[in-house]
């Protein structure tokens, strides 16, 4: 692995160029040789590929007017990339992204309908709290905040149990659960995802002392709001 010190002209670089991968960790920027990843063909990957195929095929059957409306929406609604820079999607990319989110959220909106501007709610997750992960109860609980209310939908991207010394755990998190908050969750001030977590990552047994991290996002109109970050340590 080679470390990189950027000079004039380039302030940051991320991703693959030729046979070289550019990345950054807490030690700074670095490069490494690209190694083609294995393809385990998990059920999650297959589901994602099926959605991509479905919505890409749908895009081709839409009218010119419908595609124009999605192109216009995409131009007016940039997303942030890994470097924090605004990135414009094409209309087709926006169509796939929005409808994938709708599908995961159980949203009944018509696929061809362009989303409107969402009214985001603050404080749904208590970022001052911690994830409670208990081996004896087979429980993984995400703390809710004062803004949590019945019928809100949140996407929970959660890590497996990782070393407690790891601070940059974002790359290991996966979408573990899409949850519609109900009155019982609000009363308990938490979302319990033990079943979903163990289905994705396996038993909690033997993971005591390790850390679980989560980025939670509110869902509205096919879009995900700002990330709520929370972590916790597995206990026996």
C-alpha atoms as a PDB file:
ATOM      1  CA  UNK A   1       0.000   0.000   0.000  1.00  0.00           C
ATOM      2  CA  UNK A   2       1.365   3.426  -0.978  1.00  0.00           C
ATOM      3  CA  UNK A   3       0.460   6.586   0.941  1.00  0.00           C
ATOM      4  CA  UNK A   4      -0.360   9.754  -0.959  1.00  0.00           C
ATOM      5  CA  UNK A   5       0.297  13.405  -0.126  1.00  0.00           C
ATOM      6  CA  UNK A   6      -1.769  15.625  -2.402  1.00  0.00           C
ATOM      7  CA  UNK A   7      -0.226  18.813  -3.739  1.00  0.00           C
ATOM      8  CA  UNK A   8      -1.550  21.575  -5.947  1.00  0.00           C
ATOM      9  CA  UNK A   9      -4.303  20.706  -8.367  1.00  0.00           C
ATOM     10  CA  UNK A  10      -5.821  17.693  -6.570  1.00  0.00           C
ATOM     11  CA  UNK A  11      -7.358  18.034  -3.100  1.00  0.00           C
ATOM     12  CA  UNK A  12      -8.941  14.576  -2.900  1.00  0.00           C
ATOM     13  CA  UNK A  13      -9.421  11.477  -5.000  1.00  0.00           C
ATOM     14  CA  UNK A  14     -11.521   8.381  -4.398  1.00  0.00           C
ATOM     15  CA  UNK A  15     -12.287   5.262  -6.404  1.00  0.00           C
ATOM     16  CA  UNK A  16     -10.562   3.202  -9.088  1.00  0.00           C
ATOM     17  CA  UNK A  17      -8.419   4.518 -11.936  1.00  0.00           C
ATOM     18  CA  UNK A  18      -6.845   1.921 -14.164  1.00  0.00           C
ATOM     19  CA  UNK A  19      -5.378  -0.721 -11.866  1.00  0.00           C
ATOM     20  CA  UNK A  20      -5.107   1.604  -8.859  1.00  0.00           C
ATOM     21  CA  UNK A  21      -7.632   2.237  -6.094  1.00  0.00           C
ATOM     22  CA  UNK A  22      -7.527   5.581  -4.272  1.00  0.00           C
ATOM     23  CA  UNK A  23      -8.966   5.756  -0.761  1.00  0.00           C
ATOM     24  CA  UNK A  24      -8.593   7.408   2.615  1.00  0.00           C
ATOM     25  CA  UNK A  25      -8.568   6.285   6.234  1.00  0.00           C
ATOM     26  CA  UNK A  26      -7.666   7.930   9.542  1.00  0.00           C
ATOM     27  CA  UNK A  27      -3.986   7.661   8.575  1.00  0.00           C
ATOM     28  CA  UNK A  28      -4.546   9.753   5.465  1.00  0.00           C
ATOM     29  CA  UNK A  29      -4.854   9.146   1.741  1.00  0.00           C
ATOM     30  CA  UNK A  30      -3.466   5.940   0.277  1.00  0.00           C
ATOM     31  CA  UNK A  31      -3.453   3.850  -2.903  1.00  0.00           C
ATOM     32  CA  UNK A  32      -3.535   0.109  -3.468  1.00  0.00           C
ATOM     33  CA  UNK A  33      -3.648  -2.250  -6.405  1.00  0.00           C
ATOM     34  CA  UNK A  34      -7.111  -3.178  -7.593  1.00  0.00           C
ATOM     35  CA  UNK A  35      -8.109  -6.755  -6.824  1.00  0.00           C
ATOM     36  CA  UNK A  36     -11.234  -8.036  -8.514  1.00  0.00           C
ATOM     37  CA  UNK A  37     -13.685  -8.887  -5.726  1.00  0.00           C
ATOM     38  CA  UNK A  38     -15.277 -12.280  -5.426  1.00  0.00           C
ATOM     39  CA  UNK A  39     -18.958 -12.600  -6.259  1.00  0.00           C
ATOM     40  CA  UNK A  40     -20.665 -14.584  -3.482  1.00  0.00           C
ATOM     41  CA  UNK A  41     -24.060 -13.975  -5.163  1.00  0.00           C
ATOM     42  CA  UNK A  42     -25.904 -13.525  -1.884  1.00  0.00           C
ATOM     43  CA  UNK A  43     -29.680 -13.212  -1.805  1.00  0.00           C
ATOM     44  CA  UNK A  44     -29.249  -9.490  -1.072  1.00  0.00           C
ATOM     45  CA  UNK A  45     -27.086  -8.988  -4.157  1.00  0.00           C
ATOM     46  CA  UNK A  46     -29.493 -10.937  -6.334  1.00  0.00           C
ATOM     47  CA  UNK A  47     -32.451  -8.881  -5.094  1.00  0.00           C
ATOM     48  CA  UNK A  48     -30.564  -5.658  -5.840  1.00  0.00           C
ATOM     49  CA  UNK A  49     -29.705  -6.866  -9.346  1.00  0.00           C
ATOM     50  CA  UNK A  50     -33.300  -7.891  -9.970  1.00  0.00           C
ATOM     51  CA  UNK A  51     -34.523  -4.407  -9.017  1.00  0.00           C
ATOM     52  CA  UNK A  52     -31.910  -2.770 -11.230  1.00  0.00           C
ATOM     53  CA  UNK A  53     -32.993  -4.923 -14.169  1.00  0.00           C
ATOM     54  CA  UNK A  54     -36.701  -4.308 -13.522  1.00  0.00           C
ATOM     55  CA  UNK A  55     -36.483  -0.530 -13.267  1.00  0.00           C
ATOM     56  CA  UNK A  56     -33.995  -0.203 -16.124  1.00  0.00           C
ATOM     57  CA  UNK A  57     -36.420  -2.120 -18.340  1.00  0.00           C
ATOM     58  CA  UNK A  58     -39.323   0.042 -17.155  1.00  0.00           C
ATOM     59  CA  UNK A  59     -37.360   3.195 -18.013  1.00  0.00           C
ATOM     60  CA  UNK A  60     -37.071   2.073 -21.628  1.00  0.00           C
ATOM     61  CA  UNK A  61     -40.851   1.669 -21.924  1.00  0.00           C
ATOM     62  CA  UNK A  62     -41.738   5.126 -20.572  1.00  0.00           C
ATOM     63  CA  UNK A  63     -42.913   7.964 -22.778  1.00  0.00           C
ATOM     64  CA  UNK A  64     -40.577  10.777 -23.789  1.00  0.00           C
ATOM     65  CA  UNK A  65     -42.615  13.135 -21.602  1.00  0.00           C
ATOM     66  CA  UNK A  66     -42.208  10.896 -18.557  1.00  0.00           C
ATOM     67  CA  UNK A  67     -38.468  10.538 -19.094  1.00  0.00           C
ATOM     68  CA  UNK A  68     -38.153  14.313 -19.509  1.00  0.00           C
ATOM     69  CA  UNK A  69     -39.879  14.887 -16.165  1.00  0.00           C
ATOM     70  CA  UNK A  70     -37.393  12.546 -14.459  1.00  0.00           C
ATOM     71  CA  UNK A  71     -34.433  14.213 -16.192  1.00  0.00           C
ATOM     72  CA  UNK A  72     -35.682  17.593 -14.996  1.00  0.00           C
ATOM     73  CA  UNK A  73     -36.134  16.299 -11.446  1.00  0.00           C
ATOM     74  CA  UNK A  74     -32.643  14.775 -11.393  1.00  0.00           C
ATOM     75  CA  UNK A  75     -31.084  18.050 -12.578  1.00  0.00           C
ATOM     76  CA  UNK A  76     -32.794  19.904  -9.719  1.00  0.00           C
ATOM     77  CA  UNK A  77     -31.982  17.343  -7.015  1.00  0.00           C
ATOM     78  CA  UNK A  78     -28.254  16.509  -6.826  1.00  0.00           C
ATOM     79  CA  UNK A  79     -26.987  13.930  -4.356  1.00  0.00           C
ATOM     80  CA  UNK A  80     -23.749  14.016  -2.330  1.00  0.00           C
ATOM     81  CA  UNK A  81     -20.990  11.619  -3.319  1.00  0.00           C
ATOM     82  CA  UNK A  82     -18.368  10.032  -1.031  1.00  0.00           C
ATOM     83  CA  UNK A  83     -16.253  13.195  -1.090  1.00  0.00           C
ATOM     84  CA  UNK A  84     -19.186  15.391  -0.103  1.00  0.00           C
ATOM     85  CA  UNK A  85     -19.480  16.954  -3.550  1.00  0.00           C
ATOM     86  CA  UNK A  86     -22.819  17.453  -5.283  1.00  0.00           C
ATOM     87  CA  UNK A  87     -23.405  14.883  -8.019  1.00  0.00           C
ATOM     88  CA  UNK A  88     -26.146  14.981 -10.627  1.00  0.00           C
ATOM     89  CA  UNK A  89     -27.830  11.721 -11.514  1.00  0.00           C
ATOM     90  CA  UNK A  90     -29.296  11.052 -14.924  1.00  0.00           C
ATOM     91  CA  UNK A  91     -33.049  10.686 -15.119  1.00  0.00           C
ATOM     92  CA  UNK A  92     -32.641   6.929 -15.500  1.00  0.00           C
ATOM     93  CA  UNK A  93     -30.381   6.689 -12.451  1.00  0.00           C
ATOM     94  CA  UNK A  94     -32.829   8.754 -10.398  1.00  0.00           C
ATOM     95  CA  UNK A  95     -35.731   6.563 -11.529  1.00  0.00           C
ATOM     96  CA  UNK A  96     -33.934   3.394 -10.436  1.00  0.00           C
ATOM     97  CA  UNK A  97     -32.778   4.878  -7.124  1.00  0.00           C
ATOM     98  CA  UNK A  98     -36.134   6.377  -6.116  1.00  0.00           C
ATOM     99  CA  UNK A  99     -38.155   3.304  -7.063  1.00  0.00           C
ATOM    100  CA  UNK A 100     -35.729   0.952  -5.342  1.00  0.00           C
ATOM    101  CA  UNK A 101     -36.265   2.971  -2.151  1.00  0.00           C
ATOM    102  CA  UNK A 102     -40.026   2.935  -2.703  1.00  0.00           C
ATOM    103  CA  UNK A 103     -39.977  -0.821  -3.117  1.00  0.00           C
ATOM    104  CA  UNK A 104     -37.961  -1.373   0.067  1.00  0.00           C
ATOM    105  CA  UNK A 105     -40.252   0.982   2.001  1.00  0.00           C
ATOM    106  CA  UNK A 106     -43.459  -0.624   0.722  1.00  0.00           C
ATOM    107  CA  UNK A 107     -44.468   2.680  -0.850  1.00  0.00           C
ATOM    108  CA  UNK A 108     -47.478   2.339  -3.141  1.00  0.00           C
ATOM    109  CA  UNK A 109     -46.590   5.391  -5.249  1.00  0.00           C
ATOM    110  CA  UNK A 110     -46.793   4.811  -9.005  1.00  0.00           C
ATOM    111  CA  UNK A 111     -43.304   4.136 -10.338  1.00  0.00           C
ATOM    112  CA  UNK A 112     -43.523   6.783 -13.051  1.00  0.00           C
ATOM    113  CA  UNK A 113     -44.505   9.518 -10.568  1.00  0.00           C
ATOM    114  CA  UNK A 114     -41.739  12.042  -9.950  1.00  0.00           C
ATOM    115  CA  UNK A 115     -41.287  12.636  -6.186  1.00  0.00           C
ATOM    116  CA  UNK A 116     -42.123  15.920  -4.527  1.00  0.00           C
ATOM    117  CA  UNK A 117     -39.984  17.739  -1.973  1.00  0.00           C
ATOM    118  CA  UNK A 118     -40.068  15.905   1.369  1.00  0.00           C
ATOM    119  CA  UNK A 119     -40.616  17.625   4.723  1.00  0.00           C
ATOM    120  CA  UNK A 120     -37.904  16.025   6.839  1.00  0.00           C
ATOM    121  CA  UNK A 121     -38.358  15.549  10.575  1.00  0.00           C
ATOM    122  CA  UNK A 122     -35.447  16.092  12.960  1.00  0.00           C
ATOM    123  CA  UNK A 123     -34.554  14.038  16.004  1.00  0.00           C
ATOM    124  CA  UNK A 124     -36.073  10.707  14.971  1.00  0.00           C
ATOM    125  CA  UNK A 125     -33.004   8.838  16.246  1.00  0.00           C
ATOM    126  CA  UNK A 126     -31.337   9.727  19.541  1.00  0.00           C
ATOM    127  CA  UNK A 127     -27.744  10.268  18.414  1.00  0.00           C
ATOM    128  CA  UNK A 128     -26.739  10.984  22.013  1.00  0.00           C
ATOM    129  CA  UNK A 129     -27.911   7.488  22.962  1.00  0.00           C
ATOM    130  CA  UNK A 130     -26.358   4.118  22.185  1.00  0.00           C
ATOM    131  CA  UNK A 131     -27.301   0.901  20.447  1.00  0.00           C
ATOM    132  CA  UNK A 132     -28.045  -1.760  23.041  1.00  0.00           C
ATOM    133  CA  UNK A 133     -27.029  -5.213  21.834  1.00  0.00           C
ATOM    134  CA  UNK A 134     -27.625  -8.030  24.322  1.00  0.00           C
ATOM    135  CA  UNK A 135     -26.545 -11.612  23.650  1.00  0.00           C
ATOM    136  CA  UNK A 136     -28.815 -13.098  26.335  1.00  0.00           C
ATOM    137  CA  UNK A 137     -31.922 -11.416  24.889  1.00  0.00           C
ATOM    138  CA  UNK A 138     -30.792 -11.731  21.242  1.00  0.00           C
ATOM    139  CA  UNK A 139     -31.638  -8.032  21.017  1.00  0.00           C
ATOM    140  CA  UNK A 140     -30.251  -5.165  18.980  1.00  0.00           C
ATOM    141  CA  UNK A 141     -32.035  -1.914  19.816  1.00  0.00           C
ATOM    142  CA  UNK A 142     -31.722   1.440  18.024  1.00  0.00           C
ATOM    143  CA  UNK A 143     -32.552   4.415  20.315  1.00  0.00           C
ATOM    144  CA  UNK A 144     -35.389   6.681  19.181  1.00  0.00           C
ATOM    145  CA  UNK A 145     -35.375  10.428  19.737  1.00  0.00           C
ATOM    146  CA  UNK A 146     -37.984  13.034  20.570  1.00  0.00           C
ATOM    147  CA  UNK A 147     -38.899  13.449  16.882  1.00  0.00           C
ATOM    148  CA  UNK A 148     -39.976   9.812  16.447  1.00  0.00           C
ATOM    149  CA  UNK A 149     -43.661   9.316  15.645  1.00  0.00           C
ATOM    150  CA  UNK A 150     -46.064   6.670  14.425  1.00  0.00           C
ATOM    151  CA  UNK A 151     -45.868   5.771  10.696  1.00  0.00           C
ATOM    152  CA  UNK A 152     -42.425   7.274  10.053  1.00  0.00           C
ATOM    153  CA  UNK A 153     -40.184   5.028   7.949  1.00  0.00           C
ATOM    154  CA  UNK A 154     -36.463   4.642   8.578  1.00  0.00           C
ATOM    155  CA  UNK A 155     -33.754   2.776   6.666  1.00  0.00           C
ATOM    156  CA  UNK A 156     -31.225   1.222   9.051  1.00  0.00           C
ATOM    157  CA  UNK A 157     -27.744   0.547   7.673  1.00  0.00           C
ATOM    158  CA  UNK A 158     -25.994  -1.474  10.368  1.00  0.00           C
ATOM    159  CA  UNK A 159     -22.575  -3.106  10.742  1.00  0.00           C
ATOM    160  CA  UNK A 160     -21.770  -6.615  11.901  1.00  0.00           C
ATOM    161  CA  UNK A 161     -20.039  -6.769  15.290  1.00  0.00           C
ATOM    162  CA  UNK A 162     -16.627  -5.169  14.685  1.00  0.00           C
ATOM    163  CA  UNK A 163     -13.584  -4.491  16.830  1.00  0.00           C
ATOM    164  CA  UNK A 164     -14.303  -1.810  19.402  1.00  0.00           C
ATOM    165  CA  UNK A 165     -11.147  -0.016  18.279  1.00  0.00           C
ATOM    166  CA  UNK A 166     -12.421   0.538  14.735  1.00  0.00           C
ATOM    167  CA  UNK A 167     -13.565   4.123  14.150  1.00  0.00           C
ATOM    168  CA  UNK A 168     -14.133   4.024  10.389  1.00  0.00           C
ATOM    169  CA  UNK A 169     -16.802   1.306  10.145  1.00  0.00           C
ATOM    170  CA  UNK A 170     -19.054   2.779   7.459  1.00  0.00           C
ATOM    171  CA  UNK A 171     -17.798   0.484   4.687  1.00  0.00           C
ATOM    172  CA  UNK A 172     -18.884  -2.607   6.619  1.00  0.00           C
ATOM    173  CA  UNK A 173     -22.505  -1.537   7.183  1.00  0.00           C
ATOM    174  CA  UNK A 174     -25.358  -2.920   5.106  1.00  0.00           C
ATOM    175  CA  UNK A 175     -29.078  -2.262   4.897  1.00  0.00           C
ATOM    176  CA  UNK A 176     -30.359  -4.526   7.664  1.00  0.00           C
ATOM    177  CA  UNK A 177     -33.912  -3.274   8.145  1.00  0.00           C
ATOM    178  CA  UNK A 178     -36.493  -0.868   6.752  1.00  0.00           C
ATOM    179  CA  UNK A 179     -38.803  -0.099   9.665  1.00  0.00           C
ATOM    180  CA  UNK A 180     -42.143   1.651   9.894  1.00  0.00           C
ATOM    181  CA  UNK A 181     -42.221   3.111  13.390  1.00  0.00           C
ATOM    182  CA  UNK A 182     -45.362   2.383  15.382  1.00  0.00           C
ATOM    183  CA  UNK A 183     -46.788   3.553  18.703  1.00  0.00           C
ATOM    184  CA  UNK A 184     -45.223   0.685  20.654  1.00  0.00           C
ATOM    185  CA  UNK A 185     -41.742   1.618  19.397  1.00  0.00           C
ATOM    186  CA  UNK A 186     -42.310   5.263  20.306  1.00  0.00           C
ATOM    187  CA  UNK A 187     -43.423   4.214  23.805  1.00  0.00           C
ATOM    188  CA  UNK A 188     -40.386   1.934  24.199  1.00  0.00           C
ATOM    189  CA  UNK A 189     -38.135   4.691  22.784  1.00  0.00           C
ATOM    190  CA  UNK A 190     -36.328   2.161  20.600  1.00  0.00           C
ATOM    191  CA  UNK A 191     -36.511  -0.006  17.491  1.00  0.00           C
ATOM    192  CA  UNK A 192     -35.684  -3.689  18.060  1.00  0.00           C
ATOM    193  CA  UNK A 193     -33.917  -5.342  15.096  1.00  0.00           C
ATOM    194  CA  UNK A 194     -32.364  -8.422  16.718  1.00  0.00           C
ATOM    195  CA  UNK A 195     -34.038 -10.818  14.279  1.00  0.00           C
ATOM    196  CA  UNK A 196     -33.052  -8.780  11.227  1.00  0.00           C
ATOM    197  CA  UNK A 197     -29.472  -8.352  12.476  1.00  0.00           C
ATOM    198  CA  UNK A 198     -28.926 -12.051  13.216  1.00  0.00           C
ATOM    199  CA  UNK A 199     -30.518 -13.023   9.893  1.00  0.00           C
ATOM    200  CA  UNK A 200     -27.987 -10.833   8.117  1.00  0.00           C
ATOM    201  CA  UNK A 201     -24.885 -11.433  10.240  1.00  0.00           C
ATOM    202  CA  UNK A 202     -25.425 -14.558  12.300  1.00  0.00           C
ATOM    203  CA  UNK A 203     -25.657 -15.131  16.087  1.00  0.00           C
ATOM    204  CA  UNK A 204     -24.625 -12.516  18.641  1.00  0.00           C
ATOM    205  CA  UNK A 205     -23.035 -15.302  20.675  1.00  0.00           C
ATOM    206  CA  UNK A 206     -19.303 -14.756  21.101  1.00  0.00           C
ATOM    207  CA  UNK A 207     -19.495 -11.069  20.121  1.00  0.00           C
ATOM    208  CA  UNK A 208     -19.396  -9.545  23.627  1.00  0.00           C
ATOM    209  CA  UNK A 209     -17.249  -6.425  23.800  1.00  0.00           C
ATOM    210  CA  UNK A 210     -17.442  -5.786  20.072  1.00  0.00           C
ATOM    211  CA  UNK A 211     -19.099  -2.737  18.534  1.00  0.00           C
ATOM    212  CA  UNK A 212     -22.148  -2.325  16.316  1.00  0.00           C
ATOM    213  CA  UNK A 213     -22.602   0.885  14.322  1.00  0.00           C
ATOM    214  CA  UNK A 214     -25.628   2.255  12.495  1.00  0.00           C
ATOM    215  CA  UNK A 215     -26.531   5.040  10.112  1.00  0.00           C
ATOM    216  CA  UNK A 216     -30.291   5.625  10.066  1.00  0.00           C
ATOM    217  CA  UNK A 217     -32.135   7.653   7.437  1.00  0.00           C
ATOM    218  CA  UNK A 218     -35.709   8.878   7.344  1.00  0.00           C
ATOM    219  CA  UNK A 219     -37.585   7.835   4.199  1.00  0.00           C
ATOM    220  CA  UNK A 220     -39.984  10.164   2.375  1.00  0.00           C
ATOM    221  CA  UNK A 221     -41.071  10.381  -1.268  1.00  0.00           C
ATOM    222  CA  UNK A 222     -38.545   7.773  -2.381  1.00  0.00           C
ATOM    223  CA  UNK A 223     -35.708   9.753  -0.834  1.00  0.00           C
ATOM    224  CA  UNK A 224     -33.517   9.353   2.249  1.00  0.00           C
ATOM    225  CA  UNK A 225     -32.818  12.255   4.576  1.00  0.00           C
ATOM    226  CA  UNK A 226     -29.669  13.135   6.491  1.00  0.00           C
ATOM    227  CA  UNK A 227     -27.894  10.347   8.351  1.00  0.00           C
ATOM    228  CA  UNK A 228     -28.306   9.729  12.067  1.00  0.00           C
ATOM    229  CA  UNK A 229     -25.215   7.963  13.447  1.00  0.00           C
ATOM    230  CA  UNK A 230     -25.265   5.804  16.577  1.00  0.00           C
ATOM    231  CA  UNK A 231     -23.082   3.017  17.987  1.00  0.00           C
ATOM    232  CA  UNK A 232     -23.097   0.564  20.883  1.00  0.00           C
ATOM    233  CA  UNK A 233     -21.182  -2.357  22.387  1.00  0.00           C
ATOM    234  CA  UNK A 234     -22.444  -5.947  22.543  1.00  0.00           C
ATOM    235  CA  UNK A 235     -22.973  -7.243  26.105  1.00  0.00           C
ATOM    236  CA  UNK A 236     -23.475 -10.785  27.373  1.00  0.00           C
END
